[in-house]
């Protein structure tokens, strides 16, 4: 019980993001993931083409 009480007390001290902050953080993560995906897709395509040229 002591553990649960201390968890409850700690959770009261947490600063939760506002709705505006949460959507800003979420969009930042989504854009970052999309940029990384695009980067790795381009690199993968380049390596595939390079290997295709070497093998032929």
PDB file of N, CA and C in Angstrom:
ATOM      1  N   UNK A   1       0.818  -1.209   0.000  1.00  0.00           N
ATOM      2  CA  UNK A   1       0.000   0.000   0.000  1.00  0.00           C
ATOM      3  C   UNK A   1       0.855   1.264   0.000  1.00  0.00           C
ATOM      4  N   UNK A   2       1.977   1.192   0.700  1.00  0.00           N
ATOM      5  CA  UNK A   2       2.846   2.357   0.768  1.00  0.00           C
ATOM      6  C   UNK A   2       3.365   2.716  -0.632  1.00  0.00           C
ATOM      7  N   UNK A   3       3.683   1.675  -1.404  1.00  0.00           N
ATOM      8  CA  UNK A   3       4.164   1.904  -2.760  1.00  0.00           C
ATOM      9  C   UNK A   3       3.104   2.609  -3.605  1.00  0.00           C
ATOM     10  N   UNK A   4       1.864   2.125  -3.536  1.00  0.00           N
ATOM     11  CA  UNK A   4       0.795   2.721  -4.329  1.00  0.00           C
ATOM     12  C   UNK A   4       0.526   4.168  -3.921  1.00  0.00           C
ATOM     13  N   UNK A   5       0.642   4.457  -2.634  1.00  0.00           N
ATOM     14  CA  UNK A   5       0.453   5.834  -2.175  1.00  0.00           C
ATOM     15  C   UNK A   5       1.548   6.737  -2.727  1.00  0.00           C
ATOM     16  N   UNK A   6       2.788   6.242  -2.724  1.00  0.00           N
ATOM     17  CA  UNK A   6       3.875   7.073  -3.252  1.00  0.00           C
ATOM     18  C   UNK A   6       3.737   7.249  -4.772  1.00  0.00           C
ATOM     19  N   UNK A   7       3.226   6.235  -5.467  1.00  0.00           N
ATOM     20  CA  UNK A   7       2.979   6.378  -6.904  1.00  0.00           C
ATOM     21  C   UNK A   7       1.920   7.446  -7.133  1.00  0.00           C
ATOM     22  N   UNK A   8       0.865   7.412  -6.346  1.00  0.00           N
ATOM     23  CA  UNK A   8      -0.212   8.408  -6.461  1.00  0.00           C
ATOM     24  C   UNK A   8       0.331   9.812  -6.209  1.00  0.00           C
ATOM     25  N   UNK A   9       1.162   9.957  -5.178  1.00  0.00           N
ATOM     26  CA  UNK A   9       1.749  11.262  -4.868  1.00  0.00           C
ATOM     27  C   UNK A   9       2.644  11.758  -6.001  1.00  0.00           C
ATOM     28  N   UNK A  10       3.435  10.860  -6.590  1.00  0.00           N
ATOM     29  CA  UNK A  10       4.304  11.250  -7.693  1.00  0.00           C
ATOM     30  C   UNK A  10       3.491  11.646  -8.923  1.00  0.00           C
ATOM     31  N   UNK A  11       2.403  10.939  -9.185  1.00  0.00           N
ATOM     32  CA  UNK A  11       1.582  11.235 -10.355  1.00  0.00           C
ATOM     33  C   UNK A  11       0.922  12.608 -10.240  1.00  0.00           C
ATOM     34  N   UNK A  12       0.693  13.065  -9.030  1.00  0.00           N
ATOM     35  CA  UNK A  12       0.125  14.401  -8.837  1.00  0.00           C
ATOM     36  C   UNK A  12       1.127  15.489  -9.226  1.00  0.00           C
ATOM     37  N   UNK A  13       2.416  15.163  -9.197  1.00  0.00           N
ATOM     38  CA  UNK A  13       3.451  16.145  -9.515  1.00  0.00           C
ATOM     39  C   UNK A  13       3.778  16.193 -11.010  1.00  0.00           C
ATOM     40  N   UNK A  14       3.259  15.252 -11.761  1.00  0.00           N
ATOM     41  CA  UNK A  14       3.541  15.190 -13.194  1.00  0.00           C
ATOM     42  C   UNK A  14       2.871  16.362 -13.905  1.00  0.00           C
ATOM     43  N   UNK A  15       3.608  16.977 -14.808  1.00  0.00           N
ATOM     44  CA  UNK A  15       3.049  18.040 -15.630  1.00  0.00           C
ATOM     45  C   UNK A  15       2.626  17.421 -16.954  1.00  0.00           C
ATOM     46  N   UNK A  16       1.322  17.329 -17.177  1.00  0.00           N
ATOM     47  CA  UNK A  16       0.805  16.710 -18.384  1.00  0.00           C
ATOM     48  C   UNK A  16       0.722  17.755 -19.496  1.00  0.00           C
ATOM     49  N   UNK A  17       1.005  17.350 -20.742  1.00  0.00           N
ATOM     50  CA  UNK A  17       0.931  18.314 -21.847  1.00  0.00           C
ATOM     51  C   UNK A  17      -0.510  18.717 -22.130  1.00  0.00           C
ATOM     52  N   UNK A  18      -0.660  19.940 -22.599  1.00  0.00           N
ATOM     53  CA  UNK A  18      -1.985  20.407 -22.999  1.00  0.00           C
ATOM     54  C   UNK A  18      -2.337  19.763 -24.346  1.00  0.00           C
ATOM     55  N   UNK A  19      -3.570  19.916 -24.763  1.00  0.00           N
ATOM     56  CA  UNK A  19      -3.993  19.361 -26.045  1.00  0.00           C
ATOM     57  C   UNK A  19      -3.202  19.936 -27.206  1.00  0.00           C
ATOM     58  N   UNK A  20      -2.922  21.228 -27.139  1.00  0.00           N
ATOM     59  CA  UNK A  20      -2.153  21.895 -28.193  1.00  0.00           C
ATOM     60  C   UNK A  20      -0.725  21.360 -28.241  1.00  0.00           C
ATOM     61  N   UNK A  21      -0.105  21.215 -27.071  1.00  0.00           N
ATOM     62  CA  UNK A  21       1.251  20.672 -27.011  1.00  0.00           C
ATOM     63  C   UNK A  21       1.281  19.227 -27.510  1.00  0.00           C
ATOM     64  N   UNK A  22       0.293  18.458 -27.125  1.00  0.00           N
ATOM     65  CA  UNK A  22       0.238  17.059 -27.521  1.00  0.00           C
ATOM     66  C   UNK A  22       0.130  16.914 -29.034  1.00  0.00           C
ATOM     67  N   UNK A  23      -0.700  17.730 -29.665  1.00  0.00           N
ATOM     68  CA  UNK A  23      -0.817  17.647 -31.123  1.00  0.00           C
ATOM     69  C   UNK A  23       0.463  18.137 -31.800  1.00  0.00           C
ATOM     70  N   UNK A  24       1.133  19.119 -31.222  1.00  0.00           N
ATOM     71  CA  UNK A  24       2.408  19.598 -31.764  1.00  0.00           C
ATOM     72  C   UNK A  24       3.461  18.496 -31.687  1.00  0.00           C
ATOM     73  N   UNK A  25       3.567  17.832 -30.545  1.00  0.00           N
ATOM     74  CA  UNK A  25       4.537  16.758 -30.365  1.00  0.00           C
ATOM     75  C   UNK A  25       4.222  15.581 -31.290  1.00  0.00           C
ATOM     76  N   UNK A  26       2.943  15.268 -31.426  1.00  0.00           N
ATOM     77  CA  UNK A  26       2.541  14.156 -32.281  1.00  0.00           C
ATOM     78  C   UNK A  26       2.878  14.443 -33.736  1.00  0.00           C
ATOM     79  N   UNK A  27       2.584  15.656 -34.192  1.00  0.00           N
ATOM     80  CA  UNK A  27       2.895  15.988 -35.585  1.00  0.00           C
ATOM     81  C   UNK A  27       4.404  16.012 -35.817  1.00  0.00           C
ATOM     82  N   UNK A  28       5.172  16.431 -34.837  1.00  0.00           N
ATOM     83  CA  UNK A  28       6.633  16.413 -34.963  1.00  0.00           C
ATOM     84  C   UNK A  28       7.130  14.981 -35.142  1.00  0.00           C
ATOM     85  N   UNK A  29       6.597  14.070 -34.363  1.00  0.00           N
ATOM     86  CA  UNK A  29       7.002  12.663 -34.456  1.00  0.00           C
ATOM     87  C   UNK A  29       6.597  12.082 -35.812  1.00  0.00           C
ATOM     88  N   UNK A  30       5.390  12.355 -36.265  1.00  0.00           N
ATOM     89  CA  UNK A  30       4.914  11.816 -37.541  1.00  0.00           C
ATOM     90  C   UNK A  30       5.757  12.342 -38.696  1.00  0.00           C
ATOM     91  N   UNK A  31       6.042  13.638 -38.706  1.00  0.00           N
ATOM     92  CA  UNK A  31       6.862  14.225 -39.776  1.00  0.00           C
ATOM     93  C   UNK A  31       8.269  13.631 -39.753  1.00  0.00           C
ATOM     94  N   UNK A  32       8.849  13.469 -38.578  1.00  0.00           N
ATOM     95  CA  UNK A  32      10.187  12.897 -38.460  1.00  0.00           C
ATOM     96  C   UNK A  32      10.218  11.468 -38.986  1.00  0.00           C
ATOM     97  N   UNK A  33       9.219  10.680 -38.626  1.00  0.00           N
ATOM     98  CA  UNK A  33       9.151   9.296 -39.103  1.00  0.00           C
ATOM     99  C   UNK A  33       9.012   9.260 -40.623  1.00  0.00           C
ATOM    100  N   UNK A  34       8.174  10.128 -41.183  1.00  0.00           N
ATOM    101  CA  UNK A  34       8.005  10.164 -42.636  1.00  0.00           C
ATOM    102  C   UNK A  34       9.301  10.572 -43.339  1.00  0.00           C
ATOM    103  N   UNK A  35      10.018  11.537 -42.778  1.00  0.00           N
ATOM    104  CA  UNK A  35      11.289  11.955 -43.376  1.00  0.00           C
ATOM    105  C   UNK A  35      12.320  10.828 -43.339  1.00  0.00           C
ATOM    106  N   UNK A  36      12.405  10.128 -42.212  1.00  0.00           N
ATOM    107  CA  UNK A  36      13.326   9.002 -42.126  1.00  0.00           C
ATOM    108  C   UNK A  36      12.922   7.898 -43.100  1.00  0.00           C
ATOM    109  N   UNK A  37      11.648   7.616 -43.225  1.00  0.00           N
ATOM    110  CA  UNK A  37      11.172   6.583 -44.151  1.00  0.00           C
ATOM    111  C   UNK A  37      11.525   6.958 -45.585  1.00  0.00           C
ATOM    112  N   UNK A  38      11.321   8.216 -45.949  1.00  0.00           N
ATOM    113  CA  UNK A  38      11.653   8.670 -47.299  1.00  0.00           C
ATOM    114  C   UNK A  38      13.161   8.570 -47.543  1.00  0.00           C
ATOM    115  N   UNK A  39      13.939   8.968 -46.571  1.00  0.00           N
ATOM    116  CA  UNK A  39      15.402   8.899 -46.697  1.00  0.00           C
ATOM    117  C   UNK A  39      15.855   7.464 -46.938  1.00  0.00           C
ATOM    118  N   UNK A  40      15.368   6.545 -46.102  1.00  0.00           N
ATOM    119  CA  UNK A  40      15.790   5.155 -46.245  1.00  0.00           C
ATOM    120  C   UNK A  40      15.244   4.520 -47.521  1.00  0.00           C
ATOM    121  N   UNK A  41      14.099   4.953 -47.994  1.00  0.00           N
ATOM    122  CA  UNK A  41      13.573   4.454 -49.266  1.00  0.00           C
ATOM    123  C   UNK A  41      14.482   4.897 -50.412  1.00  0.00           C
ATOM    124  N   UNK A  42      14.921   6.145 -50.387  1.00  0.00           N
ATOM    125  CA  UNK A  42      15.821   6.649 -51.431  1.00  0.00           C
ATOM    126  C   UNK A  42      17.162   5.921 -51.376  1.00  0.00           C
ATOM    127  N   UNK A  43      17.700   5.734 -50.190  1.00  0.00           N
ATOM    128  CA  UNK A  43      18.972   5.018 -50.045  1.00  0.00           C
ATOM    129  C   UNK A  43      18.822   3.577 -50.541  1.00  0.00           C
ATOM    130  N   UNK A  44      17.725   2.922 -50.163  1.00  0.00           N
ATOM    131  CA  UNK A  44      17.477   1.550 -50.598  1.00  0.00           C
ATOM    132  C   UNK A  44      17.378   1.474 -52.122  1.00  0.00           C
ATOM    133  N   UNK A  45      16.652   2.404 -52.713  1.00  0.00           N
ATOM    134  CA  UNK A  45      16.525   2.435 -54.166  1.00  0.00           C
ATOM    135  C   UNK A  45      17.895   2.636 -54.813  1.00  0.00           C
ATOM    136  N   UNK A  46      18.690   3.544 -54.274  1.00  0.00           N
ATOM    137  CA  UNK A  46      20.025   3.807 -54.821  1.00  0.00           C
ATOM    138  C   UNK A  46      20.925   2.591 -54.743  1.00  0.00           C
ATOM    139  N   UNK A  47      20.921   1.919 -53.605  1.00  0.00           N
ATOM    140  CA  UNK A  47      21.753   0.725 -53.452  1.00  0.00           C
ATOM    141  C   UNK A  47      21.282  -0.376 -54.400  1.00  0.00           C
ATOM    142  N   UNK A  48      19.968  -0.538 -54.531  1.00  0.00           N
ATOM    143  CA  UNK A  48      19.425  -1.547 -55.445  1.00  0.00           C
ATOM    144  C   UNK A  48      19.854  -1.261 -56.884  1.00  0.00           C
ATOM    145  N   UNK A  49      19.747  -0.017 -57.297  1.00  0.00           N
ATOM    146  CA  UNK A  49      20.157   0.348 -58.661  1.00  0.00           C
ATOM    147  C   UNK A  49      21.656   0.160 -58.857  1.00  0.00           C
ATOM    148  N   UNK A  50      22.441   0.528 -57.871  1.00  0.00           N
ATOM    149  CA  UNK A  50      23.890   0.380 -57.956  1.00  0.00           C
ATOM    150  C   UNK A  50      24.272  -1.091 -58.064  1.00  0.00           C
ATOM    151  N   UNK A  51      23.677  -1.926 -57.262  1.00  0.00           N
ATOM    152  CA  UNK A  51      23.949  -3.361 -57.345  1.00  0.00           C
ATOM    153  C   UNK A  51      23.485  -3.935 -58.672  1.00  0.00           C
ATOM    154  N   UNK A  52      22.367  -3.426 -59.194  1.00  0.00           N
ATOM    155  CA  UNK A  52      21.885  -3.864 -60.507  1.00  0.00           C
ATOM    156  C   UNK A  52      22.881  -3.537 -61.603  1.00  0.00           C
ATOM    157  N   UNK A  53      23.475  -2.355 -61.527  1.00  0.00           N
ATOM    158  CA  UNK A  53      24.476  -1.966 -62.526  1.00  0.00           C
ATOM    159  C   UNK A  53      25.750  -2.813 -62.396  1.00  0.00           C
ATOM    160  N   UNK A  54      26.150  -3.113 -61.187  1.00  0.00           N
ATOM    161  CA  UNK A  54      27.365  -3.896 -60.959  1.00  0.00           C
ATOM    162  C   UNK A  54      27.168  -5.342 -61.432  1.00  0.00           C
ATOM    163  N   UNK A  55      26.016  -5.905 -61.167  1.00  0.00           N
ATOM    164  CA  UNK A  55      25.754  -7.304 -61.499  1.00  0.00           C
ATOM    165  C   UNK A  55      25.559  -7.517 -62.999  1.00  0.00           C
ATOM    166  N   UNK A  56      25.179  -6.491 -63.745  1.00  0.00           N
ATOM    167  CA  UNK A  56      24.934  -6.660 -65.188  1.00  0.00           C
ATOM    168  C   UNK A  56      26.095  -6.272 -66.003  1.00  0.00           C
TER     169      UNK A  56
END
